[in-house]
Amino acid sequence: MTSRGTADSAQLRELTKILDDYCQKAGLQNDRDAREALALRIMNVFESGIDDLHEITKALDSCRAAAWRQGI
């Protein structure tokens, strides 16, 4: 990470790939609102200091599992 909350071009490509992959798996490619919400969640994870692709994905999986348990 270049500085907290700032992504360089390579990191932006990686974050976009995470977003695209997640949207495809969840069938959200055409749901702009859901895609935007997921993008914000990804950026929140990234801004918290997690900049490894695998770790970001794990954090998203954890959030999703928690939401499902709560019925969200």
N, C-alpha and C. Protein backbone atom coordinates (compact mmCIF):
# COMPACT_ATOMS: atom_id res chain seq x y z
N MET A 1 0.86 -1.16 0.00
CA MET A 1 0.00 0.00 0.00
C MET A 1 0.90 1.23 0.00
N THR A 2 0.57 2.22 -0.81
CA THR A 2 1.41 3.41 -0.89
C THR A 2 1.27 4.27 0.36
N SER A 3 0.09 4.61 0.74
CA SER A 3 -0.19 5.27 2.01
C SER A 3 -1.62 4.90 2.37
N ARG A 4 -1.94 4.97 3.62
CA ARG A 4 -3.24 4.51 4.09
C ARG A 4 -4.38 5.14 3.28
N GLY A 5 -5.18 4.29 2.66
CA GLY A 5 -6.33 4.75 1.90
C GLY A 5 -6.02 5.16 0.47
N THR A 6 -4.77 5.02 0.05
CA THR A 6 -4.39 5.39 -1.31
C THR A 6 -3.90 4.15 -2.03
N ALA A 7 -4.43 3.92 -3.21
CA ALA A 7 -4.03 2.75 -4.00
C ALA A 7 -3.31 3.22 -5.25
N ASP A 8 -2.25 2.50 -5.61
CA ASP A 8 -1.57 2.80 -6.86
C ASP A 8 -2.31 2.07 -7.99
N SER A 9 -1.86 2.24 -9.22
CA SER A 9 -2.58 1.67 -10.36
C SER A 9 -2.63 0.15 -10.32
N ALA A 10 -1.55 -0.50 -9.88
CA ALA A 10 -1.55 -1.96 -9.79
C ALA A 10 -2.55 -2.43 -8.73
N GLN A 11 -2.60 -1.73 -7.61
CA GLN A 11 -3.55 -2.10 -6.56
C GLN A 11 -4.99 -1.88 -7.02
N LEU A 12 -5.22 -0.81 -7.76
CA LEU A 12 -6.57 -0.56 -8.29
C LEU A 12 -7.00 -1.69 -9.22
N ARG A 13 -6.08 -2.17 -10.04
CA ARG A 13 -6.41 -3.31 -10.92
C ARG A 13 -6.77 -4.53 -10.08
N GLU A 14 -6.00 -4.79 -9.02
CA GLU A 14 -6.27 -5.93 -8.16
C GLU A 14 -7.61 -5.78 -7.44
N LEU A 15 -7.89 -4.59 -6.93
CA LEU A 15 -9.16 -4.35 -6.24
C LEU A 15 -10.33 -4.50 -7.21
N THR A 16 -10.16 -4.04 -8.43
CA THR A 16 -11.20 -4.18 -9.45
C THR A 16 -11.43 -5.65 -9.77
N LYS A 17 -10.36 -6.42 -9.82
CA LYS A 17 -10.49 -7.86 -10.08
C LYS A 17 -11.28 -8.54 -8.96
N ILE A 18 -10.99 -8.18 -7.73
CA ILE A 18 -11.75 -8.73 -6.60
C ILE A 18 -13.23 -8.39 -6.76
N LEU A 19 -13.52 -7.14 -7.07
CA LEU A 19 -14.90 -6.70 -7.26
C LEU A 19 -15.57 -7.46 -8.39
N ASP A 20 -14.92 -7.55 -9.53
CA ASP A 20 -15.49 -8.25 -10.69
C ASP A 20 -15.74 -9.73 -10.38
N ASP A 21 -14.76 -10.37 -9.74
CA ASP A 21 -14.90 -11.80 -9.41
C ASP A 21 -16.06 -12.03 -8.44
N TYR A 22 -16.13 -11.19 -7.41
CA TYR A 22 -17.21 -11.34 -6.44
C TYR A 22 -18.57 -11.11 -7.07
N CYS A 23 -18.67 -10.09 -7.89
CA CYS A 23 -19.94 -9.80 -8.56
C CYS A 23 -20.35 -10.95 -9.47
N GLN A 24 -19.40 -11.51 -10.18
CA GLN A 24 -19.72 -12.64 -11.06
C GLN A 24 -20.21 -13.83 -10.26
N LYS A 25 -19.50 -14.17 -9.18
CA LYS A 25 -19.91 -15.31 -8.35
C LYS A 25 -21.29 -15.13 -7.76
N ALA A 26 -21.61 -13.89 -7.40
CA ALA A 26 -22.89 -13.61 -6.74
C ALA A 26 -23.99 -13.23 -7.73
N GLY A 27 -23.66 -13.17 -9.02
CA GLY A 27 -24.66 -12.79 -10.02
C GLY A 27 -25.06 -11.32 -9.94
N LEU A 28 -24.11 -10.47 -9.57
CA LEU A 28 -24.41 -9.05 -9.38
C LEU A 28 -23.88 -8.15 -10.50
N GLN A 29 -23.46 -8.74 -11.62
CA GLN A 29 -22.85 -7.94 -12.68
C GLN A 29 -23.75 -6.80 -13.14
N ASN A 30 -25.05 -7.01 -13.13
CA ASN A 30 -25.98 -6.00 -13.64
C ASN A 30 -26.70 -5.24 -12.53
N ASP A 31 -26.33 -5.46 -11.29
CA ASP A 31 -26.96 -4.78 -10.15
C ASP A 31 -26.03 -3.67 -9.68
N ARG A 32 -26.24 -2.49 -10.23
CA ARG A 32 -25.33 -1.37 -9.96
C ARG A 32 -25.25 -1.03 -8.47
N ASP A 33 -26.38 -1.02 -7.78
CA ASP A 33 -26.39 -0.66 -6.36
C ASP A 33 -25.62 -1.68 -5.52
N ALA A 34 -25.83 -2.95 -5.79
CA ALA A 34 -25.12 -4.00 -5.04
C ALA A 34 -23.63 -3.95 -5.35
N ARG A 35 -23.30 -3.71 -6.61
CA ARG A 35 -21.89 -3.62 -7.01
C ARG A 35 -21.22 -2.44 -6.31
N GLU A 36 -21.90 -1.33 -6.25
CA GLU A 36 -21.35 -0.15 -5.58
C GLU A 36 -21.17 -0.41 -4.08
N ALA A 37 -22.14 -1.06 -3.46
CA ALA A 37 -22.03 -1.39 -2.03
C ALA A 37 -20.84 -2.31 -1.78
N LEU A 38 -20.65 -3.28 -2.65
CA LEU A 38 -19.53 -4.20 -2.52
C LEU A 38 -18.20 -3.47 -2.72
N ALA A 39 -18.16 -2.56 -3.68
CA ALA A 39 -16.94 -1.77 -3.93
C ALA A 39 -16.58 -0.96 -2.68
N LEU A 40 -17.57 -0.39 -2.03
CA LEU A 40 -17.32 0.36 -0.80
C LEU A 40 -16.78 -0.55 0.30
N ARG A 41 -17.33 -1.74 0.39
CA ARG A 41 -16.86 -2.69 1.40
C ARG A 41 -15.41 -3.09 1.12
N ILE A 42 -15.09 -3.32 -0.15
CA ILE A 42 -13.72 -3.65 -0.52
C ILE A 42 -12.77 -2.51 -0.15
N MET A 43 -13.16 -1.29 -0.46
CA MET A 43 -12.31 -0.14 -0.13
C MET A 43 -12.16 0.02 1.38
N ASN A 44 -13.21 -0.25 2.14
CA ASN A 44 -13.11 -0.17 3.60
C ASN A 44 -12.10 -1.18 4.13
N VAL A 45 -12.13 -2.39 3.59
CA VAL A 45 -11.17 -3.41 4.01
C VAL A 45 -9.76 -2.96 3.64
N PHE A 46 -9.59 -2.48 2.41
CA PHE A 46 -8.29 -2.02 1.94
C PHE A 46 -7.78 -0.86 2.80
N GLU A 47 -8.65 0.10 3.09
CA GLU A 47 -8.25 1.26 3.88
C GLU A 47 -7.93 0.90 5.33
N SER A 48 -8.43 -0.24 5.79
CA SER A 48 -8.11 -0.67 7.15
C SER A 48 -6.68 -1.19 7.26
N GLY A 49 -6.02 -1.32 6.12
CA GLY A 49 -4.63 -1.76 6.11
C GLY A 49 -4.42 -3.13 5.49
N ILE A 50 -5.48 -3.79 5.08
CA ILE A 50 -5.36 -5.10 4.44
C ILE A 50 -5.19 -4.84 2.94
N ASP A 51 -4.02 -5.20 2.40
CA ASP A 51 -3.78 -4.95 0.98
C ASP A 51 -3.42 -6.20 0.19
N ASP A 52 -3.48 -7.36 0.84
CA ASP A 52 -3.23 -8.62 0.16
C ASP A 52 -4.55 -9.14 -0.42
N LEU A 53 -4.54 -9.53 -1.71
CA LEU A 53 -5.76 -9.97 -2.38
C LEU A 53 -6.46 -11.10 -1.63
N HIS A 54 -5.69 -12.07 -1.22
CA HIS A 54 -6.26 -13.22 -0.51
C HIS A 54 -6.89 -12.78 0.81
N GLU A 55 -6.23 -11.90 1.52
CA GLU A 55 -6.75 -11.43 2.81
C GLU A 55 -8.00 -10.57 2.63
N ILE A 56 -8.05 -9.77 1.59
CA ILE A 56 -9.25 -8.97 1.31
C ILE A 56 -10.42 -9.90 1.02
N THR A 57 -10.18 -10.91 0.20
CA THR A 57 -11.23 -11.87 -0.13
C THR A 57 -11.71 -12.60 1.13
N LYS A 58 -10.78 -13.01 1.99
CA LYS A 58 -11.17 -13.66 3.24
C LYS A 58 -12.02 -12.73 4.10
N ALA A 59 -11.66 -11.46 4.15
CA ALA A 59 -12.43 -10.50 4.94
C ALA A 59 -13.83 -10.33 4.37
N LEU A 60 -13.95 -10.31 3.05
CA LEU A 60 -15.26 -10.21 2.41
C LEU A 60 -16.09 -11.45 2.69
N ASP A 61 -15.47 -12.62 2.59
CA ASP A 61 -16.17 -13.87 2.89
C ASP A 61 -16.68 -13.87 4.33
N SER A 62 -15.85 -13.37 5.23
CA SER A 62 -16.22 -13.31 6.64
C SER A 62 -17.42 -12.38 6.84
N CYS A 63 -17.39 -11.23 6.19
CA CYS A 63 -18.51 -10.27 6.29
C CYS A 63 -19.78 -10.87 5.72
N ARG A 64 -19.65 -11.57 4.60
CA ARG A 64 -20.81 -12.16 3.95
C ARG A 64 -21.40 -13.27 4.81
N ALA A 65 -20.55 -14.09 5.40
CA ALA A 65 -21.02 -15.16 6.27
C ALA A 65 -21.74 -14.58 7.49
N ALA A 66 -21.19 -13.52 8.05
CA ALA A 66 -21.83 -12.89 9.21
C ALA A 66 -23.19 -12.32 8.83
N ALA A 67 -23.29 -11.73 7.66
CA ALA A 67 -24.56 -11.17 7.20
C ALA A 67 -25.60 -12.27 7.00
N TRP A 68 -25.18 -13.38 6.42
CA TRP A 68 -26.10 -14.49 6.22
C TRP A 68 -26.61 -15.03 7.55
N ARG A 69 -25.71 -15.14 8.54
CA ARG A 69 -26.13 -15.62 9.86
C ARG A 69 -27.14 -14.69 10.50
N GLN A 70 -27.04 -13.39 10.19
CA GLN A 70 -27.95 -12.40 10.75
C GLN A 70 -29.19 -12.21 9.88
N GLY A 71 -29.23 -12.89 8.75
CA GLY A 71 -30.38 -12.78 7.85
C GLY A 71 -30.41 -11.52 7.03
N ILE A 72 -29.23 -10.93 6.83
CA ILE A 72 -29.15 -9.69 6.04
C ILE A 72 -28.96 -10.04 4.57
